[in-house]
Protein backbone atom coordinates (compact mmCIF):
# COMPACT_ATOMS: atom_id res chain seq x y z
CA MET A 1 0.00 0.00 0.00
CA LEU A 2 1.11 3.50 -0.73
CA HIS A 3 1.98 5.16 2.57
CA THR A 4 -0.29 8.07 3.48
CA GLN A 5 0.78 10.33 6.32
CA VAL A 6 -2.01 11.51 8.58
CA VAL A 7 -1.13 15.15 9.03
CA GLY A 8 -4.47 16.35 10.32
CA LEU A 9 -7.63 17.90 8.99
CA LEU A 10 -7.66 21.23 7.20
CA GLY A 11 -9.66 22.84 9.98
CA LEU A 12 -7.55 21.27 12.74
CA LEU A 13 -4.00 22.05 11.62
CA THR A 14 -2.23 23.47 14.65
CA PHE A 15 1.07 24.92 13.54
CA LEU A 16 2.98 26.70 16.24
CA SER A 17 3.00 30.46 16.37
CA ASN A 18 5.36 32.53 18.52
CA PRO A 19 6.71 29.52 20.45
CA ALA A 20 9.08 30.03 23.37
CA PHE A 21 12.20 28.44 21.99
CA GLY A 22 14.68 29.95 24.41
CA GLN A 23 17.46 32.45 23.94
CA ASP A 24 20.50 30.41 22.97
CA LYS A 25 23.46 32.44 21.81
CA SER A 26 24.89 31.86 18.37
CA GLU A 27 28.60 31.29 17.91
CA VAL A 28 30.52 33.70 15.74
CA ASP A 29 31.01 32.53 12.18
CA PRO A 30 34.63 33.27 11.21
CA TYR A 31 33.66 33.94 7.59
CA THR A 32 30.93 36.54 8.02
CA LYS A 33 31.79 37.58 11.60
CA ASN A 34 28.00 37.54 12.09
CA GLU A 35 27.90 40.97 10.46
CA PRO A 36 24.45 41.62 8.91
CA ALA A 37 25.75 42.83 5.53
CA ALA A 38 28.14 39.88 5.17
CA MET A 39 25.46 37.42 6.25
CA LYS A 40 23.00 38.84 3.74
CA ALA A 41 25.58 38.58 0.94
CA ALA A 42 26.18 34.94 1.92
CA GLY A 43 22.44 34.17 1.96
CA ILE A 44 22.42 33.58 5.72
CA LEU A 45 19.58 34.74 7.96
CA ARG A 46 20.64 33.43 11.37
CA PHE A 47 23.25 31.27 13.10
CA GLY A 48 20.97 29.83 15.74
CA ASN A 49 18.17 30.85 18.08
CA PHE A 50 15.40 29.65 15.79
CA PRO A 51 12.55 27.11 15.94
CA TRP A 52 13.30 23.63 14.67
CA GLY A 53 10.49 21.10 15.09
CA ASP A 54 7.44 20.17 17.12
CA GLU A 55 7.67 22.25 20.30
CA HIS A 56 11.46 22.54 20.27
CA GLY A 57 14.10 24.87 18.93
CA THR A 58 17.86 25.20 18.83
CA SER A 59 18.32 25.85 22.55
CA SER A 60 16.28 22.75 23.48
CA VAL A 61 18.40 20.59 21.17
CA GLU A 62 21.61 22.00 22.66
CA GLU A 63 20.34 21.16 26.14
CA THR A 64 19.52 17.62 25.10
CA LEU A 65 22.88 16.99 23.40
CA GLY A 66 24.93 18.54 26.18
CA ASP A 67 28.56 19.19 25.30
CA THR A 68 28.19 18.29 21.60
CA ASP A 69 29.64 20.98 19.34
CA LEU A 70 26.58 22.10 17.38
CA LEU A 71 26.58 24.72 14.65
CA TRP A 72 23.36 26.19 13.22
CA ILE A 73 22.54 28.09 10.08
CA GLU A 74 19.32 29.36 8.52
CA THR A 75 18.89 30.25 4.86
CA SER A 76 15.90 31.28 2.77
CA HIS A 77 14.42 27.78 2.69
CA PHE A 78 16.42 25.65 5.15
CA ARG A 79 17.53 25.34 8.74
CA ILE A 80 20.63 23.21 9.26
CA ALA A 81 22.24 21.67 12.33
CA SER A 82 25.75 20.26 12.02
CA THR A 83 28.21 18.51 14.31
CA LEU A 84 30.65 17.74 11.49
CA GLY A 85 34.33 18.30 12.15
CA GLU A 86 37.16 19.17 9.78
CA TYR A 87 37.50 17.52 6.38
CA SER A 88 40.81 17.29 4.55
CA ILE A 89 40.31 17.70 0.80
CA PRO A 90 41.64 14.44 -0.70
CA ASN A 91 44.13 14.16 -3.53
CA ASN A 92 41.52 12.39 -5.61
CA GLN A 93 41.32 14.70 -8.62
CA ARG A 94 37.63 14.11 -9.24
CA GLN A 95 36.61 15.13 -5.73
CA LYS A 96 39.20 17.88 -5.45
CA LYS A 97 37.90 19.52 -8.62
CA LYS A 98 34.30 19.28 -7.37
CA ILE A 99 35.07 20.91 -4.03
CA ARG A 100 37.27 23.60 -5.59
CA THR A 101 34.44 24.50 -7.96
CA GLU A 102 32.03 24.77 -5.04
CA LEU A 103 34.46 26.90 -3.05
CA GLU A 104 34.86 29.25 -6.01
CA GLU A 105 31.08 29.57 -6.16
CA LEU A 106 30.95 30.20 -2.41
CA ALA A 107 33.72 32.80 -2.68
CA LYS A 108 31.38 34.95 -4.76
CA LYS A 109 29.21 35.27 -1.66
CA ILE A 110 32.03 35.39 0.90
CA PRO A 111 34.73 37.73 -0.49
CA ASN A 112 37.40 36.89 2.11
CA LEU A 113 37.40 33.25 1.02
CA ASN A 114 40.38 32.14 -1.08
CA PRO A 115 39.64 28.70 -2.60
CA ARG A 116 43.22 28.20 -3.83
CA ARG A 117 44.62 28.31 -0.31
CA ILE A 118 42.12 25.95 1.30
CA ARG A 119 43.39 22.44 1.98
CA THR A 120 41.01 21.59 4.82
CA LEU A 121 37.33 22.39 5.24
CA ASP A 122 36.75 23.49 8.81
CA ALA A 123 33.39 22.97 10.53
CA TRP A 124 32.08 26.43 9.62
CA LEU A 125 33.14 26.20 6.00
CA ARG A 126 31.43 22.82 5.70
CA LEU A 127 28.27 24.40 7.11
CA HIS A 128 28.39 27.18 4.51
CA LEU A 129 28.88 24.59 1.76
CA TRP A 130 25.83 22.64 2.95
CA ALA A 131 23.76 25.81 3.02
CA MET A 132 24.78 26.59 -0.56
CA ARG A 133 24.19 23.02 -1.74
CA LEU A 134 20.71 22.80 -0.26
CA GLU A 135 19.60 26.16 -1.65
CA LYS A 136 20.91 25.12 -5.06
CA THR A 137 18.91 21.87 -4.84
CA TYR A 138 15.80 23.80 -3.79
CA ASN A 139 16.15 26.14 -6.77
CA GLU A 140 16.69 23.25 -9.19
CA VAL A 141 13.66 21.35 -7.88
CA SER A 142 11.63 24.57 -8.18
CA ALA A 143 12.80 24.91 -11.79
CA ILE A 144 11.57 21.38 -12.59
CA LEU A 145 8.24 22.16 -10.90
CA GLN A 146 8.25 25.50 -12.77
CA ILE A 147 7.32 27.47 -9.66
CA GLU A 148 8.68 30.40 -7.64
CA ASP A 149 8.29 31.41 -4.00
CA SER A 150 5.53 33.82 -5.00
CA ASN A 151 3.41 30.86 -6.12
CA PHE A 152 2.82 29.80 -2.51
CA PRO A 153 0.61 31.26 0.22
CA PRO A 154 2.05 33.20 3.17
CA GLU A 155 0.02 31.06 5.57
CA LYS A 156 -2.50 28.23 5.78
CA GLY A 157 -5.99 28.73 4.42
CA VAL A 158 -4.95 31.15 1.68
CA LEU A 159 -5.41 30.46 -2.04
CA VAL A 160 -3.02 31.83 -4.66
CA SER A 161 -4.86 33.25 -7.66
CA GLY A 162 -7.81 31.10 -6.65
CA LYS A 163 -5.74 27.89 -6.56
CA TYR A 164 -4.79 25.72 -3.59
CA MET A 165 -0.98 25.72 -3.31
CA GLY A 166 -0.51 24.31 0.17
CA GLU A 167 -0.42 25.59 3.71
CA GLY A 168 2.59 27.91 3.65
CA PRO A 169 5.40 29.59 1.71
CA PHE A 170 7.96 26.76 1.52
CA LEU A 171 6.75 24.70 -1.46
CA GLY A 172 3.44 24.71 0.38
CA MET A 173 4.79 23.82 3.83
CA PRO A 174 4.34 26.28 6.73
CA GLU A 175 7.97 25.99 7.89
CA LYS A 176 11.38 25.59 6.32
CA PHE A 177 12.95 22.23 5.55
CA THR A 178 15.58 21.02 7.99
CA LEU A 179 18.80 18.99 7.83
CA PHE A 180 20.40 17.47 10.92
CA ILE A 181 23.83 16.25 9.85
CA ALA A 182 25.99 14.64 12.53
CA GLU A 183 29.46 13.22 12.75
CA LYS A 184 28.37 10.36 15.00
CA GLU A 185 25.35 8.11 14.74
CA SER A 186 24.88 8.32 18.49
CA THR A 187 24.33 12.10 18.25
CA LEU A 188 21.49 11.65 15.78
CA GLY A 189 20.19 8.81 17.95
CA ARG A 190 20.02 11.00 21.05
CA TYR A 191 18.26 13.75 19.13
CA SER A 192 15.78 11.42 17.42
CA SER A 193 14.98 9.43 20.56
CA ARG A 194 14.04 12.66 22.31
CA TYR A 195 12.22 14.61 19.60
CA CYS A 196 11.08 12.21 16.87
CA PRO A 197 11.10 8.62 18.15
CA PRO A 198 11.69 5.89 17.41
CA PHE A 199 15.30 5.84 16.23
CA SER A 200 15.96 2.69 14.21
CA GLY A 201 19.68 3.20 13.72
CA GLY A 202 19.79 4.77 10.28
CA PRO A 203 19.13 7.97 8.32
CA LYS A 204 15.77 9.47 9.16
CA ARG A 205 13.18 11.46 7.23
CA HIS A 206 10.67 12.90 9.65
CA LEU A 207 7.56 15.05 9.36
CA PHE A 208 6.97 17.45 12.25
CA GLN A 209 3.19 17.48 11.99
CA LYS A 210 2.34 20.28 14.40
CA PHE A 211 5.17 22.55 13.31
CA GLY A 212 4.65 21.84 9.62
CA SER A 213 8.15 21.00 8.39
CA MET A 214 10.09 18.02 7.04
CA MET A 215 13.50 16.98 8.38
CA PHE A 216 16.26 14.71 7.16
CA GLY A 217 18.75 13.47 9.72
CA THR A 218 21.90 11.51 9.02
CA ALA A 219 25.46 10.86 10.21
CA GLU A 220 28.91 10.28 8.74
CA GLU A 221 29.18 6.94 10.53
CA PHE A 222 26.40 5.38 8.46
CA ALA A 223 27.26 3.06 5.54
CA ASN A 224 30.35 1.75 7.38
CA GLY A 225 31.93 5.18 7.36
CA LEU A 226 31.63 5.67 3.59
CA LEU A 227 29.72 8.88 4.23
CA LYS A 228 32.87 10.42 5.68
CA ASP A 229 33.67 10.97 2.02
CA ASP A 230 32.27 14.46 1.33
CA THR A 231 31.03 13.65 -2.17
CA GLN A 232 29.26 10.49 -1.03
CA MET A 233 27.66 12.46 1.80
CA HIS A 234 26.60 15.16 -0.68
CA CYS A 235 24.85 12.55 -2.82
CA HIS A 236 23.35 10.85 0.22
CA VAL A 237 21.87 14.06 1.63
CA VAL A 238 20.58 15.44 -1.66
CA ALA A 239 18.75 12.19 -2.44
CA SER A 240 16.62 12.49 0.69
CA ILE A 241 16.26 16.26 0.48
CA VAL A 242 14.81 15.85 -3.04
CA HIS A 243 12.38 13.26 -1.66
CA ASN A 244 11.28 15.70 1.02
CA LEU A 245 10.90 18.64 -1.35
CA VAL A 246 8.91 16.72 -3.95
CA ASP A 247 6.65 14.95 -1.45
CA CYS A 248 5.93 18.27 0.28
CA TYR A 249 5.01 20.13 -2.89
CA ARG A 250 1.64 21.84 -2.22
CA PHE A 251 1.81 20.37 1.31
CA TYR A 252 2.48 16.81 2.43
CA TRP A 253 -0.98 15.27 2.42
CA TYR A 254 0.18 11.95 0.99
CA SER A 255 3.18 10.21 -0.54
CA LEU A 256 3.50 10.19 -4.31
CA PRO A 257 3.91 6.97 -6.32
CA VAL A 258 7.45 5.79 -5.69
CA TRP A 259 8.85 6.36 -9.20
CA ILE A 260 8.35 10.13 -8.99
CA PRO A 261 10.44 11.11 -5.93
CA GLU A 262 12.87 8.21 -6.32
CA GLY A 263 13.45 8.91 -10.01
CA LEU A 264 13.98 12.60 -9.31
CA ALA A 265 16.36 11.79 -6.44
CA HIS A 266 18.48 9.67 -8.80
CA HIS A 267 18.36 12.49 -11.35
CA PHE A 268 19.90 14.94 -8.88
CA VAL A 269 22.43 12.51 -7.41
CA ARG A 270 23.78 11.46 -10.80
CA GLN A 271 24.33 15.10 -11.69
CA ILE A 272 26.56 15.41 -8.63
CA GLU A 273 28.43 12.11 -9.05
CA PRO A 274 26.99 9.10 -10.94
CA ARG A 275 29.42 6.74 -9.19
CA PHE A 276 27.60 7.19 -5.87
CA ASN A 277 24.01 6.16 -6.54
CA GLN A 278 21.67 6.29 -3.55
CA PHE A 279 18.76 3.95 -2.85
CA THR A 280 15.89 4.34 -0.42
CA SER A 281 15.71 0.56 -0.30
CA VAL A 282 17.04 -2.17 -2.55
CA LYS A 283 16.13 -5.84 -2.76
CA GLU A 284 18.66 -8.40 -4.04
CA TYR A 285 21.47 -5.85 -3.99
CA SER A 286 24.90 -7.09 -5.04
CA PRO A 287 28.36 -5.51 -5.14
CA ASN A 288 28.24 -5.54 -8.93
CA ASP A 289 25.09 -3.45 -8.87
CA GLY A 290 26.74 -0.90 -6.65
CA ASP A 291 29.95 -0.69 -8.65
CA ASN A 292 28.32 -0.60 -12.05
CA TRP A 293 27.33 3.05 -12.24
CA GLU A 294 27.08 3.19 -16.02
CA TRP A 295 23.33 2.98 -16.02
CA GLU A 296 22.89 4.35 -19.53
CA GLU A 297 24.68 1.34 -21.05
CA ARG A 298 22.76 -1.13 -18.92
CA ILE A 299 19.41 0.46 -19.76
CA ARG A 300 20.32 0.59 -23.45
CA ALA A 301 21.04 -3.15 -23.36
CA ARG A 302 17.73 -3.95 -21.64
CA VAL A 303 15.79 -1.83 -24.11
CA GLY A 304 17.59 -3.56 -26.97
CA HIS A 305 16.45 -6.94 -25.63
CA ASN A 306 12.97 -5.62 -24.72
CA PHE A 307 13.66 -6.62 -21.11
CA PHE A 308 12.34 -3.92 -18.80
CA PRO A 309 9.24 -3.17 -16.71
CA THR A 310 6.57 -1.36 -18.70
CA PHE A 311 5.67 2.14 -17.62
CA SER A 312 2.15 0.92 -16.78
CA LYS A 313 3.69 -1.51 -14.28
CA LEU A 314 6.22 1.01 -12.97
CA MET A 315 3.47 3.54 -12.27
CA GLN A 316 1.76 1.05 -9.96
CA TRP A 317 4.76 0.58 -7.67
CA THR A 318 3.73 1.87 -4.24
CA GLY A 319 6.66 0.97 -1.99
CA HIS A 320 10.44 0.64 -1.83
CA SER A 321 10.90 -2.76 -0.20
CA ASP A 322 10.60 -4.88 -3.35
CA ARG A 323 12.62 -2.66 -5.66
CA LYS A 324 15.81 -3.95 -7.26
CA VAL A 325 18.68 -1.90 -8.67
CA ALA A 326 17.34 -2.47 -12.18
CA ASP A 327 14.02 -0.99 -11.03
CA HIS A 328 15.81 2.12 -9.82
CA MET A 329 17.55 2.46 -13.16
CA MET A 330 14.19 2.37 -14.91
CA MET A 331 12.64 4.95 -12.59
CA TRP A 332 15.61 7.24 -13.17
CA SER A 333 15.57 6.84 -16.94
CA ARG A 334 11.87 7.66 -17.26
CA VAL A 335 12.44 10.82 -15.23
CA ASP A 336 15.63 11.55 -17.18
CA TYR A 337 13.59 11.45 -20.38
CA LEU A 338 10.80 13.64 -19.02
CA VAL A 339 13.11 16.29 -17.56
CA GLN A 340 15.08 16.56 -20.80
CA GLU A 341 12.38 16.15 -23.43
CA LYS A 342 9.04 17.09 -21.86
CA PRO A 343 9.75 19.58 -19.04
CA ASP A 344 6.52 21.57 -19.42
CA SER A 345 4.31 18.49 -19.47
CA PHE A 346 6.24 16.97 -16.56
CA ALA A 347 5.72 20.11 -14.46
CA SER A 348 2.01 20.06 -15.29
CA PHE A 349 1.82 16.38 -14.34
CA LEU A 350 3.56 16.96 -10.99
CA ASP A 351 1.22 19.84 -10.24
CA SER A 352 -1.82 17.67 -10.90
CA MET A 353 -0.40 14.82 -8.81
CA THR A 354 -0.48 17.03 -5.72
CA GLY A 355 -4.06 18.15 -6.21
CA LEU A 356 -5.91 15.69 -3.97
CA VAL A 357 -6.67 18.00 -1.07
CA PRO A 358 -8.51 15.99 1.60
CA GLY A 359 -12.18 16.79 1.85
CA LYS A 360 -14.40 16.24 4.86
CA GLY A 361 -11.45 15.02 6.89
CA GLN A 362 -10.57 12.12 4.59
CA LEU A 363 -7.06 11.53 3.22
CA PRO A 364 -6.94 9.99 -0.26
CA THR A 365 -6.58 6.22 -0.50
CA THR A 366 -3.92 4.41 -2.52
CA GLU A 367 -6.50 3.64 -5.17
CA GLU A 368 -7.50 7.29 -5.44
CA ILE A 369 -3.86 8.40 -5.80
CA LEU A 370 -3.19 5.87 -8.54
CA ALA A 371 -6.42 6.84 -10.31
CA LEU A 372 -5.36 10.47 -10.14
CA GLN A 373 -2.00 9.51 -11.62
CA GLU A 374 -3.65 7.86 -14.63
CA LYS A 375 -5.84 10.90 -15.24
CA ALA A 376 -3.02 13.42 -14.68
CA PHE A 377 -0.69 11.54 -17.00
CA LEU A 378 -3.17 11.50 -19.86
CA GLU A 379 -3.97 15.19 -19.42
CA ALA A 380 -0.31 16.26 -19.18
CA PHE A 381 1.20 14.10 -21.92
CA GLY A 382 -1.78 13.37 -24.14
CA THR A 383 -0.79 9.75 -24.53
CA SER A 384 -1.12 6.37 -22.88
CA PRO A 385 1.65 4.72 -20.85
CA GLU A 386 2.04 2.22 -23.70
CA SER A 387 2.64 4.96 -26.27
CA PHE A 388 4.94 6.68 -23.79
CA ASP A 389 7.06 3.52 -23.63
CA LYS A 390 7.52 3.59 -27.40
CA GLN A 391 8.67 7.21 -27.26
CA TRP A 392 11.00 6.51 -24.36
CA THR A 393 12.62 3.42 -25.93
CA THR A 394 13.23 5.33 -29.17
CA TRP A 395 14.88 8.10 -27.16
CA VAL A 396 17.01 5.65 -25.16
CA LYS A 397 18.36 4.05 -28.34
CA LYS A 398 19.40 7.47 -29.64
CA LYS A 399 20.60 8.97 -26.34
CA TYR A 400 22.35 6.13 -24.47
CA LYS A 401 25.47 4.51 -25.83
CA ALA A 402 25.50 0.75 -26.25
CA LYS A 403 28.27 -1.34 -24.69
């Protein structure tokens, strides 16, 4: 069954207003010196003392975590908590080039930053990089959705040009998206056990229902320490952030069919580094699947042998537990095709897919969501899933190289 999250009824949504979150004192950022003009140029609103989730803010989290070194940052669309330490830029040319490019981009916002002299990313610089990365992801998701901030209401219960666009200004959510990124798994565990139980020992996507925001929490220690690699962590975080952004479009009333957020997550990750694919869940995973990142060639071979799940079947997938790596490749490729070849129709389709606003206190069922998908697809693309498959396979044969 497609998971539906009971958020509450339209008339009973109780988002917090003017909560007492305490008066914690922000540390001084060595790059902006906490000076208003420098912070504005860097796209930073605050370095702490802000609300975070259901009935807790930065000071409450600091109390709970005790002597943990926590840094906070707030941007236009995100609030971020980090306990990450220093990171030495490796000699690996691929990663070094990526980080240098990002530092050059960041230096345009922080004039006293000299990318050529940086060999180690300190905790504050890593925080600034995460802020920049998340805002970039937000803007790119918005571009795919073909929306701007002005398309969303300032508060719940307000229509925009007569159209329901959610319950607040952040893609339809009342509050900003959050990222809790820790060095140690135990730090995330202590936070999650206190504020969003249960903690199952892994990365965590969590909806704060009362507050009206979506969080992703993770730690470098996950994946046997592989996430201590900055590029792998970048891919790992962006995959779940894309899930959160897409699922929350026009407010998180229900989860979308799995191919939409998962396919888009792969789309973003492979733009960062195709060697580090991320999976919400994978069945029958093997080392060869993980190492073989050349998905275009593999998909091209399957299309050539007419060995792939039809789009009609793919559209009916409603969970992650039974998905194999080959399934993920197919979700990604369908989205890859739509983003490149049919961006306007894809945006229209995604808009229609978020249109089931609960009426009379009833959340939509799985059957209703899948029925909406069939209707929205026909209206947006003017074709059946079967005809779509023919268009997609023709495109794959032209676009993807064969082995």
